N, C-alpha and C. Protein backbone atom coordinates (compact mmCIF):
# COMPACT_ATOMS: atom_id res chain seq x y z
N MET A 1 0.86 -1.17 0.00
CA MET A 1 0.00 0.00 0.00
C MET A 1 0.90 1.22 0.00
N SER A 2 0.51 2.19 -0.82
CA SER A 2 1.35 3.38 -0.94
C SER A 2 1.18 4.27 0.28
N LEU A 3 2.12 5.15 0.48
CA LEU A 3 2.09 6.07 1.61
C LEU A 3 0.86 6.96 1.56
N LYS A 4 0.46 7.40 0.36
CA LYS A 4 -0.73 8.25 0.23
C LYS A 4 -1.98 7.50 0.69
N LYS A 5 -2.10 6.23 0.30
CA LYS A 5 -3.27 5.44 0.69
C LYS A 5 -3.28 5.20 2.20
N GLN A 6 -2.10 4.94 2.77
CA GLN A 6 -2.01 4.73 4.21
C GLN A 6 -2.41 6.00 4.96
N LEU A 7 -1.92 7.15 4.49
CA LEU A 7 -2.24 8.43 5.12
C LEU A 7 -3.74 8.72 4.97
N GLY A 8 -4.30 8.45 3.81
CA GLY A 8 -5.73 8.66 3.59
C GLY A 8 -6.58 7.77 4.49
N LEU A 9 -6.17 6.51 4.63
CA LEU A 9 -6.90 5.58 5.50
C LEU A 9 -6.81 6.03 6.96
N PHE A 10 -5.63 6.47 7.37
CA PHE A 10 -5.44 6.97 8.74
C PHE A 10 -6.34 8.18 9.00
N LEU A 11 -6.39 9.13 8.07
CA LEU A 11 -7.23 10.31 8.23
C LEU A 11 -8.71 9.94 8.26
N LEU A 12 -9.11 8.98 7.46
CA LEU A 12 -10.50 8.53 7.45
C LEU A 12 -10.88 7.94 8.81
N VAL A 13 -10.04 7.10 9.39
CA VAL A 13 -10.29 6.51 10.70
C VAL A 13 -10.33 7.59 11.76
N LEU A 14 -9.41 8.55 11.68
CA LEU A 14 -9.35 9.65 12.66
C LEU A 14 -10.62 10.50 12.61
N VAL A 15 -11.05 10.89 11.43
CA VAL A 15 -12.25 11.72 11.28
C VAL A 15 -13.49 10.96 11.75
N THR A 16 -13.59 9.68 11.42
CA THR A 16 -14.72 8.87 11.86
C THR A 16 -14.77 8.77 13.38
N GLY A 17 -13.63 8.60 14.00
CA GLY A 17 -13.56 8.53 15.47
C GLY A 17 -14.01 9.83 16.12
N PHE A 18 -13.54 10.97 15.59
CA PHE A 18 -13.96 12.27 16.13
C PHE A 18 -15.45 12.49 15.94
N ALA A 19 -15.99 12.09 14.80
CA ALA A 19 -17.42 12.26 14.54
C ALA A 19 -18.24 11.43 15.51
N ALA A 20 -17.81 10.21 15.79
CA ALA A 20 -18.53 9.35 16.73
C ALA A 20 -18.49 9.93 18.14
N ALA A 21 -17.35 10.45 18.54
CA ALA A 21 -17.22 11.05 19.87
C ALA A 21 -18.09 12.30 20.00
N ALA A 22 -18.12 13.13 18.96
CA ALA A 22 -18.95 14.34 19.00
C ALA A 22 -20.43 13.98 19.05
N SER A 23 -20.81 12.96 18.31
CA SER A 23 -22.21 12.52 18.32
C SER A 23 -22.63 12.02 19.69
N ALA A 24 -21.76 11.29 20.36
CA ALA A 24 -22.08 10.77 21.70
C ALA A 24 -22.24 11.89 22.70
N GLN A 25 -21.51 12.99 22.53
CA GLN A 25 -21.58 14.10 23.47
C GLN A 25 -22.81 14.96 23.25
N THR A 26 -23.42 14.93 22.07
CA THR A 26 -24.56 15.79 21.79
C THR A 26 -25.89 15.06 21.89
N LYS A 27 -25.89 13.83 22.38
CA LYS A 27 -27.16 13.11 22.52
C LYS A 27 -28.04 13.82 23.53
N LYS A 28 -29.34 13.77 23.29
CA LYS A 28 -30.30 14.42 24.18
C LYS A 28 -30.41 13.64 25.48
N PRO A 29 -30.68 14.34 26.59
CA PRO A 29 -30.89 13.64 27.86
C PRO A 29 -32.17 12.80 27.79
N ALA A 30 -32.28 11.85 28.68
CA ALA A 30 -33.46 10.98 28.72
C ALA A 30 -34.72 11.82 28.85
N ALA A 31 -35.74 11.43 28.12
CA ALA A 31 -37.01 12.17 28.13
C ALA A 31 -37.70 12.03 29.48
N LYS A 32 -38.37 13.09 29.87
CA LYS A 32 -39.18 13.03 31.10
C LYS A 32 -40.46 12.26 30.80
N ALA A 33 -41.14 11.90 31.84
CA ALA A 33 -42.41 11.20 31.68
C ALA A 33 -43.34 12.07 30.83
N LYS A 34 -44.06 11.43 29.91
CA LYS A 34 -44.97 12.17 29.04
C LYS A 34 -46.36 12.13 29.64
N GLY A 35 -46.51 12.82 30.71
CA GLY A 35 -47.79 12.87 31.38
C GLY A 35 -47.70 13.77 32.58
N ARG A 36 -48.84 13.92 33.22
CA ARG A 36 -48.87 14.78 34.40
C ARG A 36 -50.07 14.43 35.25
N VAL A 37 -50.02 14.88 36.48
CA VAL A 37 -51.13 14.75 37.41
C VAL A 37 -51.43 16.15 37.89
N PHE A 38 -52.71 16.45 38.16
CA PHE A 38 -53.06 17.83 38.50
C PHE A 38 -54.35 17.87 39.31
N PHE A 39 -54.50 18.97 40.03
CA PHE A 39 -55.74 19.24 40.76
C PHE A 39 -56.70 19.94 39.80
N ILE A 40 -57.89 19.37 39.64
CA ILE A 40 -58.94 20.05 38.88
C ILE A 40 -59.54 21.12 39.79
N GLU A 41 -59.77 20.73 41.03
CA GLU A 41 -60.19 21.67 42.07
C GLU A 41 -59.75 21.15 43.42
N PRO A 42 -59.40 22.00 44.32
CA PRO A 42 -59.18 23.44 44.19
C PRO A 42 -57.87 23.71 43.46
N LYS A 43 -57.63 24.97 43.17
CA LYS A 43 -56.41 25.40 42.48
C LYS A 43 -55.40 25.92 43.50
N ASN A 44 -54.15 25.94 43.11
CA ASN A 44 -53.08 26.43 43.97
C ASN A 44 -53.39 27.85 44.44
N GLY A 45 -53.28 28.07 45.74
CA GLY A 45 -53.50 29.39 46.33
C GLY A 45 -54.94 29.70 46.68
N ASP A 46 -55.87 28.81 46.35
CA ASP A 46 -57.28 29.06 46.66
C ASP A 46 -57.52 29.14 48.17
N THR A 47 -58.51 29.96 48.53
CA THR A 47 -59.01 30.00 49.89
C THR A 47 -60.31 29.21 49.89
N VAL A 48 -60.39 28.22 50.77
CA VAL A 48 -61.51 27.28 50.77
C VAL A 48 -62.07 27.12 52.17
N ALA A 49 -63.27 26.53 52.23
CA ALA A 49 -63.88 26.20 53.52
C ALA A 49 -63.80 24.68 53.71
N SER A 50 -63.73 24.27 54.95
CA SER A 50 -63.69 22.85 55.26
C SER A 50 -65.10 22.33 55.46
N PRO A 51 -65.49 21.16 54.99
CA PRO A 51 -64.62 20.19 54.33
C PRO A 51 -64.25 20.65 52.92
N VAL A 52 -63.02 20.32 52.52
CA VAL A 52 -62.49 20.71 51.22
C VAL A 52 -62.78 19.59 50.23
N HIS A 53 -63.45 19.96 49.13
CA HIS A 53 -63.71 18.99 48.07
C HIS A 53 -62.54 19.06 47.08
N MET A 54 -61.90 17.92 46.84
CA MET A 54 -60.78 17.85 45.90
C MET A 54 -61.16 16.93 44.75
N LYS A 55 -60.73 17.34 43.57
CA LYS A 55 -60.97 16.56 42.37
C LYS A 55 -59.65 16.55 41.59
N PHE A 56 -59.20 15.36 41.16
CA PHE A 56 -57.90 15.25 40.50
C PHE A 56 -58.05 14.74 39.07
N GLY A 57 -57.00 15.00 38.29
CA GLY A 57 -56.95 14.53 36.92
C GLY A 57 -55.54 14.13 36.56
N SER A 58 -55.42 13.43 35.44
CA SER A 58 -54.09 13.03 34.97
C SER A 58 -54.12 12.86 33.46
N GLU A 59 -52.93 12.92 32.87
CA GLU A 59 -52.74 12.67 31.44
C GLU A 59 -51.53 11.78 31.29
N GLY A 60 -51.58 10.84 30.37
CA GLY A 60 -50.43 10.00 30.08
C GLY A 60 -50.32 8.75 30.94
N ILE A 61 -51.32 8.49 31.74
CA ILE A 61 -51.36 7.27 32.56
C ILE A 61 -52.82 6.91 32.79
N GLU A 62 -53.10 5.63 32.83
CA GLU A 62 -54.47 5.17 33.10
C GLU A 62 -54.64 5.04 34.61
N ILE A 63 -55.74 5.57 35.12
CA ILE A 63 -56.06 5.46 36.54
C ILE A 63 -57.03 4.29 36.71
N ALA A 64 -56.65 3.36 37.59
CA ALA A 64 -57.48 2.17 37.80
C ALA A 64 -57.29 1.67 39.22
N ALA A 65 -58.27 0.91 39.69
CA ALA A 65 -58.18 0.31 41.02
C ALA A 65 -57.05 -0.72 41.05
N VAL A 66 -56.44 -0.84 42.21
CA VAL A 66 -55.42 -1.88 42.41
C VAL A 66 -56.13 -3.23 42.38
N PRO A 67 -55.58 -4.21 41.68
CA PRO A 67 -56.24 -5.53 41.64
C PRO A 67 -56.39 -6.12 43.04
N PRO A 68 -57.46 -6.88 43.25
CA PRO A 68 -57.66 -7.51 44.57
C PRO A 68 -56.61 -8.59 44.82
N GLY A 69 -56.45 -8.91 46.09
CA GLY A 69 -55.53 -9.99 46.46
C GLY A 69 -54.13 -9.48 46.74
N ASP A 70 -53.18 -10.41 46.76
CA ASP A 70 -51.78 -10.09 47.06
C ASP A 70 -51.08 -9.69 45.76
N VAL A 71 -50.95 -8.40 45.54
CA VAL A 71 -50.35 -7.88 44.31
C VAL A 71 -48.83 -7.95 44.42
N THR A 72 -48.18 -8.56 43.43
CA THR A 72 -46.73 -8.69 43.46
C THR A 72 -46.05 -8.05 42.26
N THR A 73 -46.83 -7.66 41.25
CA THR A 73 -46.27 -7.00 40.07
C THR A 73 -47.12 -5.78 39.73
N THR A 74 -46.55 -4.91 38.93
CA THR A 74 -47.28 -3.71 38.50
C THR A 74 -47.73 -3.87 37.05
N ARG A 75 -48.75 -3.12 36.72
CA ARG A 75 -49.22 -3.06 35.34
C ARG A 75 -48.65 -1.80 34.72
N PRO A 76 -47.88 -1.92 33.64
CA PRO A 76 -47.26 -0.73 33.03
C PRO A 76 -48.32 0.28 32.58
N GLY A 77 -48.04 1.55 32.85
CA GLY A 77 -48.93 2.61 32.39
C GLY A 77 -50.20 2.77 33.19
N ILE A 78 -50.29 2.10 34.35
CA ILE A 78 -51.50 2.16 35.17
C ILE A 78 -51.11 2.54 36.59
N GLY A 79 -51.89 3.43 37.21
CA GLY A 79 -51.61 3.83 38.58
C GLY A 79 -52.87 4.30 39.26
N HIS A 80 -52.71 4.82 40.47
CA HIS A 80 -53.84 5.37 41.23
C HIS A 80 -53.33 6.56 42.04
N TYR A 81 -54.26 7.37 42.50
CA TYR A 81 -53.93 8.62 43.19
C TYR A 81 -53.60 8.40 44.66
N HIS A 82 -52.79 9.31 45.17
CA HIS A 82 -52.49 9.42 46.60
C HIS A 82 -52.47 10.92 46.92
N ILE A 83 -53.04 11.28 48.06
CA ILE A 83 -53.00 12.67 48.53
C ILE A 83 -52.15 12.72 49.79
N GLY A 84 -51.18 13.62 49.77
CA GLY A 84 -50.35 13.85 50.95
C GLY A 84 -50.71 15.19 51.57
N ILE A 85 -50.99 15.20 52.85
CA ILE A 85 -51.39 16.43 53.53
C ILE A 85 -50.24 16.89 54.41
N GLY A 86 -49.77 18.11 54.11
CA GLY A 86 -48.65 18.68 54.85
C GLY A 86 -47.31 18.09 54.46
N VAL A 87 -47.21 17.52 53.26
CA VAL A 87 -45.96 16.90 52.81
C VAL A 87 -45.61 17.37 51.40
N ARG A 88 -44.40 17.06 51.00
CA ARG A 88 -43.94 17.32 49.63
C ARG A 88 -44.04 16.03 48.83
N CYS A 89 -43.82 16.14 47.52
CA CYS A 89 -43.78 14.96 46.66
C CYS A 89 -42.65 14.04 47.11
N LEU A 90 -42.91 12.75 47.05
CA LEU A 90 -41.88 11.77 47.35
C LEU A 90 -41.03 11.53 46.10
N ALA A 91 -39.81 11.08 46.29
CA ALA A 91 -38.91 10.79 45.17
C ALA A 91 -39.47 9.67 44.31
N SER A 92 -39.07 9.66 43.06
CA SER A 92 -39.50 8.63 42.12
C SER A 92 -39.09 7.24 42.60
N GLY A 93 -40.04 6.31 42.55
CA GLY A 93 -39.78 4.94 42.96
C GLY A 93 -39.92 4.67 44.45
N LYS A 94 -40.19 5.72 45.22
CA LYS A 94 -40.34 5.59 46.67
C LYS A 94 -41.72 4.99 46.98
N THR A 95 -41.79 4.16 48.00
CA THR A 95 -43.07 3.56 48.39
C THR A 95 -43.88 4.53 49.24
N ILE A 96 -45.13 4.72 48.88
CA ILE A 96 -46.05 5.53 49.67
C ILE A 96 -46.67 4.57 50.68
N VAL A 97 -46.20 4.65 51.90
CA VAL A 97 -46.57 3.67 52.93
C VAL A 97 -48.04 3.82 53.31
N LYS A 98 -48.77 2.72 53.23
CA LYS A 98 -50.18 2.72 53.62
C LYS A 98 -50.28 2.84 55.14
N GLY A 99 -51.33 3.51 55.59
CA GLY A 99 -51.58 3.62 57.02
C GLY A 99 -50.86 4.77 57.70
N THR A 100 -50.16 5.60 56.94
CA THR A 100 -49.53 6.78 57.54
C THR A 100 -50.54 7.91 57.55
N PRO A 101 -50.56 8.72 58.60
CA PRO A 101 -51.59 9.75 58.70
C PRO A 101 -51.48 10.85 57.64
N SER A 102 -50.31 11.03 57.04
CA SER A 102 -50.16 12.12 56.08
C SER A 102 -50.53 11.73 54.65
N TRP A 103 -50.72 10.44 54.36
CA TRP A 103 -51.05 10.02 53.00
C TRP A 103 -52.38 9.28 52.96
N VAL A 104 -53.22 9.66 51.98
CA VAL A 104 -54.50 9.00 51.74
C VAL A 104 -54.37 8.26 50.40
N HIS A 105 -54.67 6.97 50.42
CA HIS A 105 -54.56 6.13 49.22
C HIS A 105 -55.93 6.00 48.55
N PHE A 106 -55.91 6.04 47.22
CA PHE A 106 -57.12 5.84 46.43
C PHE A 106 -56.94 4.60 45.56
N GLY A 107 -56.64 3.49 46.22
CA GLY A 107 -56.44 2.22 45.53
C GLY A 107 -57.68 1.72 44.83
N ASP A 108 -58.81 2.35 45.10
CA ASP A 108 -60.06 1.98 44.44
C ASP A 108 -60.23 2.70 43.10
N GLY A 109 -59.28 3.59 42.76
CA GLY A 109 -59.31 4.30 41.48
C GLY A 109 -60.11 5.58 41.49
N LYS A 110 -60.63 5.98 42.64
CA LYS A 110 -61.43 7.22 42.72
C LYS A 110 -60.56 8.45 42.47
N SER A 111 -61.24 9.53 42.03
CA SER A 111 -60.54 10.77 41.71
C SER A 111 -61.14 11.99 42.40
N GLU A 112 -61.94 11.75 43.44
CA GLU A 112 -62.52 12.85 44.21
C GLU A 112 -62.44 12.51 45.68
N PHE A 113 -62.39 13.58 46.52
CA PHE A 113 -62.15 13.36 47.94
C PHE A 113 -62.62 14.58 48.72
N ASP A 114 -63.28 14.36 49.84
CA ASP A 114 -63.64 15.43 50.77
C ASP A 114 -62.84 15.23 52.04
N VAL A 115 -62.22 16.31 52.53
CA VAL A 115 -61.37 16.21 53.71
C VAL A 115 -61.60 17.40 54.63
N GLN A 116 -61.62 17.13 55.92
CA GLN A 116 -61.69 18.19 56.92
C GLN A 116 -60.27 18.70 57.18
N LEU A 117 -60.07 19.99 56.99
CA LEU A 117 -58.78 20.61 57.27
C LEU A 117 -59.00 21.75 58.26
N THR A 118 -58.07 21.92 59.17
CA THR A 118 -58.16 23.00 60.15
C THR A 118 -57.90 24.33 59.47
N PRO A 119 -58.40 25.42 60.03
CA PRO A 119 -58.11 26.73 59.45
C PRO A 119 -56.60 26.97 59.38
N GLY A 120 -56.18 27.62 58.31
CA GLY A 120 -54.76 27.92 58.12
C GLY A 120 -54.30 27.52 56.73
N THR A 121 -53.00 27.52 56.56
CA THR A 121 -52.39 27.19 55.27
C THR A 121 -51.91 25.75 55.27
N HIS A 122 -52.22 25.03 54.19
CA HIS A 122 -51.88 23.62 54.08
C HIS A 122 -51.22 23.34 52.74
N ARG A 123 -50.15 22.53 52.77
CA ARG A 123 -49.52 22.02 51.54
C ARG A 123 -50.16 20.67 51.25
N ILE A 124 -50.60 20.48 50.00
CA ILE A 124 -51.25 19.24 49.59
C ILE A 124 -50.49 18.70 48.38
N ALA A 125 -50.07 17.45 48.46
CA ALA A 125 -49.38 16.79 47.34
C ALA A 125 -50.31 15.75 46.72
N LEU A 126 -50.37 15.74 45.42
CA LEU A 126 -51.11 14.73 44.66
C LEU A 126 -50.09 13.92 43.90
N GLN A 127 -50.02 12.62 44.18
CA GLN A 127 -48.98 11.78 43.58
C GLN A 127 -49.58 10.47 43.12
N ILE A 128 -49.12 10.01 41.96
CA ILE A 128 -49.60 8.73 41.44
C ILE A 128 -48.63 7.63 41.86
N GLY A 129 -49.22 6.53 42.31
CA GLY A 129 -48.45 5.34 42.65
C GLY A 129 -48.89 4.18 41.77
N ASP A 130 -47.98 3.24 41.57
CA ASP A 130 -48.32 2.04 40.79
C ASP A 130 -49.06 1.03 41.68
N ASP A 131 -49.27 -0.16 41.18
CA ASP A 131 -50.02 -1.17 41.93
C ASP A 131 -49.34 -1.57 43.25
N LEU A 132 -48.04 -1.33 43.36
CA LEU A 132 -47.32 -1.63 44.59
C LEU A 132 -47.14 -0.38 45.46
N HIS A 133 -47.81 0.70 45.09
CA HIS A 133 -47.78 1.98 45.81
C HIS A 133 -46.41 2.66 45.74
N ASN A 134 -45.65 2.38 44.67
CA ASN A 134 -44.40 3.08 44.43
C ASN A 134 -44.69 4.28 43.54
N THR A 135 -44.07 5.41 43.84
CA THR A 135 -44.34 6.62 43.08
C THR A 135 -43.89 6.47 41.63
N VAL A 136 -44.63 7.11 40.74
CA VAL A 136 -44.35 7.05 39.32
C VAL A 136 -43.69 8.37 38.92
N ARG A 137 -42.54 8.30 38.28
CA ARG A 137 -41.75 9.47 37.91
C ARG A 137 -42.57 10.48 37.10
N GLY A 138 -42.49 11.73 37.53
CA GLY A 138 -43.13 12.81 36.79
C GLY A 138 -44.59 13.03 37.12
N PHE A 139 -45.16 12.23 38.00
CA PHE A 139 -46.58 12.34 38.30
C PHE A 139 -46.82 12.80 39.73
N CYS A 140 -46.47 14.05 40.01
CA CYS A 140 -46.76 14.65 41.31
C CYS A 140 -46.93 16.15 41.15
N GLN A 141 -47.88 16.69 41.87
CA GLN A 141 -48.09 18.13 41.92
C GLN A 141 -48.39 18.52 43.35
N THR A 142 -47.84 19.64 43.77
CA THR A 142 -48.09 20.16 45.11
C THR A 142 -48.76 21.52 44.99
N ILE A 143 -49.79 21.74 45.80
CA ILE A 143 -50.45 23.04 45.86
C ILE A 143 -50.52 23.50 47.33
N THR A 144 -50.79 24.78 47.49
CA THR A 144 -51.00 25.35 48.82
C THR A 144 -52.42 25.86 48.89
N LEU A 145 -53.12 25.49 49.97
CA LEU A 145 -54.49 25.95 50.18
C LEU A 145 -54.58 26.75 51.46
N HIS A 146 -55.48 27.71 51.48
CA HIS A 146 -55.74 28.51 52.67
C HIS A 146 -57.17 28.15 53.11
N VAL A 147 -57.31 27.60 54.31
CA VAL A 147 -58.61 27.20 54.81
C VAL A 147 -59.11 28.26 55.78
N LYS A 148 -60.38 28.70 55.55
CA LYS A 148 -60.99 29.75 56.40
C LYS A 148 -61.28 29.20 57.78
């Protein structure tokens, strides 16, 4: 092989290597969850009277009751609501422990709730959990309510 061909082959390999490295560095970050959870009512900052009627909605995930019996696996793309009173959103994949006073589970698939709250300001978190009550990434909203 002539020197020109060897040099050309070397340059081709070098340019290809640089192009591959540049491509790897410009890849987009992992996409966020394509969905959301939200309060239909009340809205963030609202002043309300107790009992407070809450209504929730979601996009990008199906809301359904947890199957009866001893659930050991989750159904992809399916979850149910949880309301946290006086708390922030839990980290993705964290278990929302049943029976804790700050979290209300809606394993029956319901999307409305009436709750007695004392007068004052309250932080309310709405979070979707899977069939095992583990939080689903990207599906949490927190609002603040003022109770008369």
